[in-house]
C-alpha atoms as a PDB file:
ATOM      1  CA  MET A   1      20.912 -15.651 -29.623  1.00  0.00           C
ATOM      2  CA  ASN A   2      23.182 -12.772 -30.554  1.00  0.00           C
ATOM      3  CA  ASP A   3      23.352  -9.238 -29.189  1.00  0.00           C
ATOM      4  CA  VAL A   4      21.665  -7.735 -32.232  1.00  0.00           C
ATOM      5  CA  LYS A   5      18.581  -9.900 -31.717  1.00  0.00           C
ATOM      6  CA  ARG A   6      18.506  -9.194 -27.982  1.00  0.00           C
ATOM      7  CA  ARG A   7      18.561  -5.459 -28.558  1.00  0.00           C
ATOM      8  CA  ALA A   8      15.862  -5.747 -31.216  1.00  0.00           C
ATOM      9  CA  ILE A   9      13.633  -7.739 -28.846  1.00  0.00           C
ATOM     10  CA  PHE A  10      13.826  -5.122 -26.114  1.00  0.00           C
ATOM     11  CA  GLU A  11      13.434  -2.252 -28.573  1.00  0.00           C
ATOM     12  CA  THR A  12      10.268  -3.909 -29.872  1.00  0.00           C
ATOM     13  CA  LEU A  13       8.866  -4.487 -26.382  1.00  0.00           C
ATOM     14  CA  ARG A  14       9.699  -0.890 -25.415  1.00  0.00           C
ATOM     15  CA  GLU A  15       7.941   0.459 -28.480  1.00  0.00           C
ATOM     16  CA  LEU A  16       4.832  -1.513 -27.570  1.00  0.00           C
ATOM     17  CA  ASN A  17       4.921  -0.479 -23.892  1.00  0.00           C
ATOM     18  CA  PRO A  18       7.292   2.438 -23.155  1.00  0.00           C
ATOM     19  CA  HIS A  19       6.585   2.625 -19.423  1.00  0.00           C
ATOM     20  CA  PRO A  20       5.837  -0.838 -18.034  1.00  0.00           C
ATOM     21  CA  THR A  21       5.173  -1.443 -14.359  1.00  0.00           C
ATOM     22  CA  THR A  22       3.790  -4.031 -11.985  1.00  0.00           C
ATOM     23  CA  GLU A  23       0.105  -4.901 -12.073  1.00  0.00           C
ATOM     24  CA  LEU A  24       0.027  -5.024  -8.283  1.00  0.00           C
ATOM     25  CA  ALA A  25      -1.755  -2.018  -6.777  1.00  0.00           C
ATOM     26  CA  TYR A  26       0.346   0.010  -4.343  1.00  0.00           C
ATOM     27  CA  THR A  27       1.176   3.601  -3.368  1.00  0.00           C
ATOM     28  CA  THR A  28       4.211   3.201  -1.075  1.00  0.00           C
ATOM     29  CA  PRO A  29       7.233   0.886  -0.853  1.00  0.00           C
ATOM     30  CA  PHE A  30       5.635  -0.784   2.166  1.00  0.00           C
ATOM     31  CA  GLU A  31       2.401  -1.493   0.323  1.00  0.00           C
ATOM     32  CA  LEU A  32       4.413  -2.901  -2.588  1.00  0.00           C
ATOM     33  CA  LEU A  33       6.434  -5.149  -0.265  1.00  0.00           C
ATOM     34  CA  ILE A  34       3.287  -6.565   1.323  1.00  0.00           C
ATOM     35  CA  ALA A  35       1.559  -7.025  -2.046  1.00  0.00           C
ATOM     36  CA  VAL A  36       4.537  -8.906  -3.473  1.00  0.00           C
ATOM     37  CA  MET A  37       4.760 -11.111  -0.378  1.00  0.00           C
ATOM     38  CA  LEU A  38       1.076 -11.956  -0.772  1.00  0.00           C
ATOM     39  CA  SER A  39       1.423 -12.643  -4.509  1.00  0.00           C
ATOM     40  CA  ALA A  40       3.454 -15.845  -4.177  1.00  0.00           C
ATOM     41  CA  GLN A  41       1.471 -18.605  -5.911  1.00  0.00           C
ATOM     42  CA  ALA A  42      -1.443 -16.204  -6.326  1.00  0.00           C
ATOM     43  CA  THR A  43      -2.656 -13.915  -9.096  1.00  0.00           C
ATOM     44  CA  ASP A  44      -2.166 -10.165  -9.009  1.00  0.00           C
ATOM     45  CA  VAL A  45      -5.925  -9.801  -9.420  1.00  0.00           C
ATOM     46  CA  SER A  46      -6.633 -11.783  -6.238  1.00  0.00           C
ATOM     47  CA  VAL A  47      -3.988  -9.859  -4.305  1.00  0.00           C
ATOM     48  CA  ASN A  48      -5.295  -6.481  -5.457  1.00  0.00           C
ATOM     49  CA  LYS A  49      -8.815  -7.460  -4.442  1.00  0.00           C
ATOM     50  CA  ALA A  50      -7.614  -8.258  -0.913  1.00  0.00           C
ATOM     51  CA  THR A  51      -5.226  -5.319  -0.480  1.00  0.00           C
ATOM     52  CA  ARG A  52      -7.840  -2.854  -1.706  1.00  0.00           C
ATOM     53  CA  ARG A  53      -9.642  -3.457   1.590  1.00  0.00           C
ATOM     54  CA  LEU A  54      -6.574  -4.174   3.693  1.00  0.00           C
ATOM     55  CA  PHE A  55      -4.642  -0.999   2.878  1.00  0.00           C
ATOM     56  CA  LEU A  56      -7.617   1.162   3.847  1.00  0.00           C
ATOM     57  CA  VAL A  57      -7.176   0.051   7.467  1.00  0.00           C
ATOM     58  CA  ALA A  58      -3.503  -0.931   7.600  1.00  0.00           C
ATOM     59  CA  ASN A  59      -0.868   0.444   5.232  1.00  0.00           C
ATOM     60  CA  THR A  60       2.089   0.958   7.579  1.00  0.00           C
ATOM     61  CA  PRO A  61       4.125  -1.503   9.651  1.00  0.00           C
ATOM     62  CA  GLN A  62       2.554  -0.089  12.817  1.00  0.00           C
ATOM     63  CA  THR A  63      -1.055  -0.445  11.715  1.00  0.00           C
ATOM     64  CA  MET A  64      -0.417  -3.845  10.112  1.00  0.00           C
ATOM     65  CA  LEU A  65       1.255  -5.138  13.265  1.00  0.00           C
ATOM     66  CA  ALA A  66      -1.683  -3.875  15.305  1.00  0.00           C
ATOM     67  CA  LEU A  67      -4.018  -6.134  13.319  1.00  0.00           C
ATOM     68  CA  GLY A  68      -2.090  -9.220  14.406  1.00  0.00           C
ATOM     69  CA  GLU A  69      -2.232 -12.492  12.548  1.00  0.00           C
ATOM     70  CA  PRO A  70      -5.956 -13.129  13.212  1.00  0.00           C
ATOM     71  CA  GLY A  71      -6.931  -9.636  12.071  1.00  0.00           C
ATOM     72  CA  LEU A  72      -4.765  -9.771   8.977  1.00  0.00           C
ATOM     73  CA  THR A  73      -6.069 -13.220   8.090  1.00  0.00           C
ATOM     74  CA  GLU A  74      -9.585 -11.841   7.746  1.00  0.00           C
ATOM     75  CA  TYR A  75      -8.415  -9.606   4.900  1.00  0.00           C
ATOM     76  CA  ILE A  76      -6.234 -12.104   3.025  1.00  0.00           C
ATOM     77  CA  LYS A  77      -8.040 -15.419   3.535  1.00  0.00           C
ATOM     78  CA  THR A  78      -9.083 -15.502  -0.134  1.00  0.00           C
ATOM     79  CA  ILE A  79      -5.396 -15.715  -1.156  1.00  0.00           C
ATOM     80  CA  GLY A  80      -3.536 -19.018  -1.298  1.00  0.00           C
ATOM     81  CA  LEU A  81      -1.252 -19.911   1.633  1.00  0.00           C
ATOM     82  CA  PHE A  82      -2.822 -17.068   3.613  1.00  0.00           C
ATOM     83  CA  ARG A  83      -1.980 -18.433   7.065  1.00  0.00           C
ATOM     84  CA  ASN A  84       1.732 -18.649   6.408  1.00  0.00           C
ATOM     85  CA  LYS A  85       1.677 -15.319   4.613  1.00  0.00           C
ATOM     86  CA  ALA A  86      -0.064 -13.648   7.557  1.00  0.00           C
ATOM     87  CA  LYS A  87       2.599 -15.018   9.887  1.00  0.00           C
ATOM     88  CA  ASN A  88       5.413 -13.710   7.692  1.00  0.00           C
ATOM     89  CA  VAL A  89       3.832 -10.300   7.112  1.00  0.00           C
ATOM     90  CA  ILE A  90       3.358  -9.688  10.829  1.00  0.00           C
ATOM     91  CA  ALA A  91       6.910 -10.821  11.593  1.00  0.00           C
ATOM     92  CA  THR A  92       8.236  -8.596   8.798  1.00  0.00           C
ATOM     93  CA  CYS A  93       6.354  -5.589  10.138  1.00  0.00           C
ATOM     94  CA  ARG A  94       7.885  -6.173  13.559  1.00  0.00           C
ATOM     95  CA  LEU A  95      11.403  -6.305  12.096  1.00  0.00           C
ATOM     96  CA  LEU A  96      10.832  -3.213   9.967  1.00  0.00           C
ATOM     97  CA  LEU A  97       9.988  -1.305  13.128  1.00  0.00           C
ATOM     98  CA  GLU A  98      12.811  -2.802  15.199  1.00  0.00           C
ATOM     99  CA  ARG A  99      15.607  -2.595  12.619  1.00  0.00           C
ATOM    100  CA  HIS A 100      14.649  -0.015  10.010  1.00  0.00           C
ATOM    101  CA  GLY A 101      12.583   2.646  11.731  1.00  0.00           C
ATOM    102  CA  GLY A 102       9.451   1.434   9.983  1.00  0.00           C
ATOM    103  CA  GLN A 103      10.931   2.019   6.526  1.00  0.00           C
ATOM    104  CA  VAL A 104      11.427  -0.552   3.774  1.00  0.00           C
ATOM    105  CA  PRO A 105      15.186  -0.985   3.259  1.00  0.00           C
ATOM    106  CA  ALA A 106      16.634  -0.417  -0.202  1.00  0.00           C
ATOM    107  CA  SER A 107      19.188  -3.225  -0.113  1.00  0.00           C
ATOM    108  CA  ARG A 108      18.804  -6.851  -1.143  1.00  0.00           C
ATOM    109  CA  GLU A 109      20.589  -8.146   1.953  1.00  0.00           C
ATOM    110  CA  ALA A 110      18.273  -6.294   4.325  1.00  0.00           C
ATOM    111  CA  LEU A 111      15.167  -7.262   2.397  1.00  0.00           C
ATOM    112  CA  GLU A 112      16.085 -10.944   2.255  1.00  0.00           C
ATOM    113  CA  ALA A 113      16.567 -10.920   6.022  1.00  0.00           C
ATOM    114  CA  LEU A 114      12.820 -10.261   6.408  1.00  0.00           C
ATOM    115  CA  PRO A 115      10.534 -13.289   6.954  1.00  0.00           C
ATOM    116  CA  GLY A 116       8.912 -14.458   3.740  1.00  0.00           C
ATOM    117  CA  VAL A 117      11.112 -12.306   1.506  1.00  0.00           C
ATOM    118  CA  GLY A 118      13.273 -14.196  -0.975  1.00  0.00           C
ATOM    119  CA  ARG A 119      15.446 -13.022  -3.816  1.00  0.00           C
ATOM    120  CA  LYS A 120      12.571 -12.613  -6.277  1.00  0.00           C
ATOM    121  CA  THR A 121      10.494 -10.498  -3.886  1.00  0.00           C
ATOM    122  CA  ALA A 122      13.529  -8.416  -2.983  1.00  0.00           C
ATOM    123  CA  ASN A 123      14.286  -7.809  -6.650  1.00  0.00           C
ATOM    124  CA  VAL A 124      10.730  -6.656  -7.368  1.00  0.00           C
ATOM    125  CA  VAL A 125      10.845  -4.162  -4.500  1.00  0.00           C
ATOM    126  CA  LEU A 126      14.318  -2.898  -5.402  1.00  0.00           C
ATOM    127  CA  ASN A 127      13.325  -2.436  -9.035  1.00  0.00           C
ATOM    128  CA  THR A 128       9.808  -1.075  -8.711  1.00  0.00           C
ATOM    129  CA  ALA A 129      10.035   0.954  -5.512  1.00  0.00           C
ATOM    130  CA  PHE A 130      13.665   2.079  -5.688  1.00  0.00           C
ATOM    131  CA  SER A 131      14.393   2.060  -9.450  1.00  0.00           C
ATOM    132  CA  GLN A 132      17.319  -0.343  -9.180  1.00  0.00           C
ATOM    133  CA  PRO A 133      18.107  -2.361 -12.352  1.00  0.00           C
ATOM    134  CA  THR A 134      17.280  -5.773 -10.913  1.00  0.00           C
ATOM    135  CA  ILE A 135      15.463  -8.611 -12.671  1.00  0.00           C
ATOM    136  CA  ALA A 136      12.974 -10.646 -10.662  1.00  0.00           C
ATOM    137  CA  VAL A 137      12.682 -14.027 -12.365  1.00  0.00           C
ATOM    138  CA  ASP A 138       9.267 -15.568 -11.862  1.00  0.00           C
ATOM    139  CA  THR A 139       7.740 -18.458 -13.803  1.00  0.00           C
ATOM    140  CA  HIS A 140       6.839 -16.161 -16.716  1.00  0.00           C
ATOM    141  CA  ILE A 141      10.331 -14.727 -17.149  1.00  0.00           C
ATOM    142  CA  PHE A 142      11.923 -18.146 -16.689  1.00  0.00           C
ATOM    143  CA  ARG A 143       9.710 -19.535 -19.455  1.00  0.00           C
ATOM    144  CA  VAL A 144      10.151 -16.609 -21.860  1.00  0.00           C
ATOM    145  CA  ALA A 145      13.920 -16.405 -21.387  1.00  0.00           C
ATOM    146  CA  ASN A 146      14.345 -20.121 -22.086  1.00  0.00           C
ATOM    147  CA  ARG A 147      11.723 -20.491 -24.806  1.00  0.00           C
ATOM    148  CA  THR A 148      12.865 -17.525 -26.894  1.00  0.00           C
ATOM    149  CA  GLY A 149      16.564 -18.190 -26.381  1.00  0.00           C
ATOM    150  CA  LEU A 150      16.966 -14.740 -24.840  1.00  0.00           C
ATOM    151  CA  ALA A 151      18.731 -16.010 -21.707  1.00  0.00           C
ATOM    152  CA  PRO A 152      18.551 -19.777 -21.230  1.00  0.00           C
ATOM    153  CA  GLY A 153      19.184 -21.125 -17.739  1.00  0.00           C
ATOM    154  CA  LYS A 154      18.467 -24.220 -15.678  1.00  0.00           C
ATOM    155  CA  ASP A 155      17.038 -22.316 -12.713  1.00  0.00           C
ATOM    156  CA  PRO A 156      15.737 -18.799 -11.908  1.00  0.00           C
ATOM    157  CA  LEU A 157      19.073 -17.558 -10.576  1.00  0.00           C
ATOM    158  CA  ALA A 158      20.890 -18.697 -13.727  1.00  0.00           C
ATOM    159  CA  VAL A 159      18.325 -16.883 -15.891  1.00  0.00           C
ATOM    160  CA  GLU A 160      18.550 -13.759 -13.711  1.00  0.00           C
ATOM    161  CA  LEU A 161      22.326 -13.615 -13.996  1.00  0.00           C
ATOM    162  CA  ALA A 162      22.200 -14.305 -17.733  1.00  0.00           C
ATOM    163  CA  LEU A 163      19.688 -11.515 -18.292  1.00  0.00           C
ATOM    164  CA  GLU A 164      21.714  -9.077 -16.198  1.00  0.00           C
ATOM    165  CA  ARG A 165      24.836  -9.978 -18.157  1.00  0.00           C
ATOM    166  CA  THR A 166      23.354  -9.820 -21.663  1.00  0.00           C
ATOM    167  CA  THR A 167      20.622  -7.154 -21.492  1.00  0.00           C
ATOM    168  CA  PRO A 168      21.796  -3.742 -22.740  1.00  0.00           C
ATOM    169  CA  ASN A 169      21.978  -1.244 -19.862  1.00  0.00           C
ATOM    170  CA  GLU A 170      19.276   1.021 -21.264  1.00  0.00           C
ATOM    171  CA  PHE A 171      16.711  -1.793 -20.935  1.00  0.00           C
ATOM    172  CA  LEU A 172      17.696  -3.256 -17.547  1.00  0.00           C
ATOM    173  CA  LEU A 173      15.333  -1.171 -15.430  1.00  0.00           C
ATOM    174  CA  ASP A 174      12.227  -2.236 -17.356  1.00  0.00           C
ATOM    175  CA  ALA A 175      13.307  -5.647 -18.674  1.00  0.00           C
ATOM    176  CA  HIS A 176      11.595  -7.801 -16.075  1.00  0.00           C
ATOM    177  CA  HIS A 177       8.273  -5.973 -16.442  1.00  0.00           C
ATOM    178  CA  TRP A 178       8.311  -6.403 -20.216  1.00  0.00           C
ATOM    179  CA  LEU A 179       9.130 -10.096 -19.942  1.00  0.00           C
ATOM    180  CA  ILE A 180       6.572 -10.814 -17.214  1.00  0.00           C
ATOM    181  CA  LEU A 181       3.774  -9.145 -19.173  1.00  0.00           C
ATOM    182  CA  HIS A 182       4.837 -10.891 -22.371  1.00  0.00           C
ATOM    183  CA  GLY A 183       4.770 -14.254 -20.619  1.00  0.00           C
ATOM    184  CA  ARG A 184       1.465 -13.539 -18.919  1.00  0.00           C
ATOM    185  CA  TYR A 185      -0.463 -12.414 -21.984  1.00  0.00           C
ATOM    186  CA  VAL A 186       1.306 -13.744 -25.105  1.00  0.00           C
ATOM    187  CA  CYS A 187       4.017 -16.346 -24.478  1.00  0.00           C
ATOM    188  CA  LYS A 188       1.717 -18.433 -22.285  1.00  0.00           C
ATOM    189  CA  ALA A 189       2.750 -21.648 -20.595  1.00  0.00           C
ATOM    190  CA  ARG A 190       0.460 -24.163 -22.265  1.00  0.00           C
ATOM    191  CA  LYS A 191       0.260 -22.601 -25.700  1.00  0.00           C
ATOM    192  CA  PRO A 192       2.259 -19.530 -26.714  1.00  0.00           C
ATOM    193  CA  GLU A 193       0.245 -17.230 -28.969  1.00  0.00           C
ATOM    194  CA  CYS A 194       2.979 -16.903 -31.574  1.00  0.00           C
ATOM    195  CA  TRP A 195       0.574 -15.742 -34.289  1.00  0.00           C
ATOM    196  CA  HIS A 196       0.228 -12.278 -32.719  1.00  0.00           C
ATOM    197  CA  CYS A 197       3.592 -12.010 -30.937  1.00  0.00           C
ATOM    198  CA  VAL A 198       5.509  -8.814 -31.755  1.00  0.00           C
ATOM    199  CA  ILE A 199       8.875 -10.499 -31.237  1.00  0.00           C
ATOM    200  CA  GLU A 200       8.041 -13.709 -33.131  1.00  0.00           C
ATOM    201  CA  PRO A 201      10.452 -12.929 -36.009  1.00  0.00           C
ATOM    202  CA  LEU A 202      13.284 -12.633 -33.473  1.00  0.00           C
ATOM    203  CA  CYS A 203      12.325 -15.572 -31.263  1.00  0.00           C
ATOM    204  CA  GLU A 204      14.302 -18.826 -31.559  1.00  0.00           C
ATOM    205  CA  TYR A 205      11.522 -21.113 -30.279  1.00  0.00           C
ATOM    206  CA  ARG A 206      11.260 -24.034 -32.688  1.00  0.00           C
ATOM    207  CA  ASP A 207       7.661 -25.140 -32.113  1.00  0.00           C
ATOM    208  CA  LYS A 208       5.848 -21.904 -32.899  1.00  0.00           C
ATOM    209  CA  THR A 209       2.078 -22.180 -32.809  1.00  0.00           C
ATOM    210  CA  PRO A 210      -0.100 -21.283 -35.793  1.00  0.00           C
ATOM    211  CA  ALA A 211      -3.165 -19.126 -35.443  1.00  0.00           C
ATOM    212  CA  PRO A 212      -6.300 -21.073 -34.507  1.00  0.00           C
ATOM    213  CA  ASP A 213      -9.160 -21.170 -36.977  1.00  0.00           C
ATOM    214  CA  GLY A 214     -11.026 -17.895 -36.960  1.00  0.00           C
ATOM    215  CA  ALA A 215      -8.263 -15.936 -35.219  1.00  0.00           C
END
């Protein structure tokens, strides 16, 4: 894929959705961090349902730590891997208080030093909470980048680096939101809905799907 096509893809996605953001519900960097930690192998809908209740009683490292693992578990037990997530969230809250004065750090190194926080989670927080031009490659972005030819790569890090290298600067801040939403709602895993895809004329996917009968 050439630079002209790449620019056209992002211009088209921007025109469709000028101000994209995460579908996780949050009001502070701490709430976002916790929501992203809970979202691993879970849907945003299920996380939002749990955090809607959780954040009413605990939305700071201090109040979350006061719940303890058993207390936190009661709020997140409907989310997959909740026991391990509760353990990591409580440990992260403790480190935020001990090392960062209860504030979420705005550096990848510091974020990745927190229990349960990997590169993808760190990138989401840096981008969404601190407006840094990072790209968090989840399964949706990995699929879209490879399928369209936008930034092929054998693993998430390779795709992340390719996107950072080839995406025009003006689109970097919002690129991962556009690609996640496109993968979630249009360029789906089992059957991409090419027949109503706004970037279909620019996409290099060979096996484009026709519209189903009646669509």
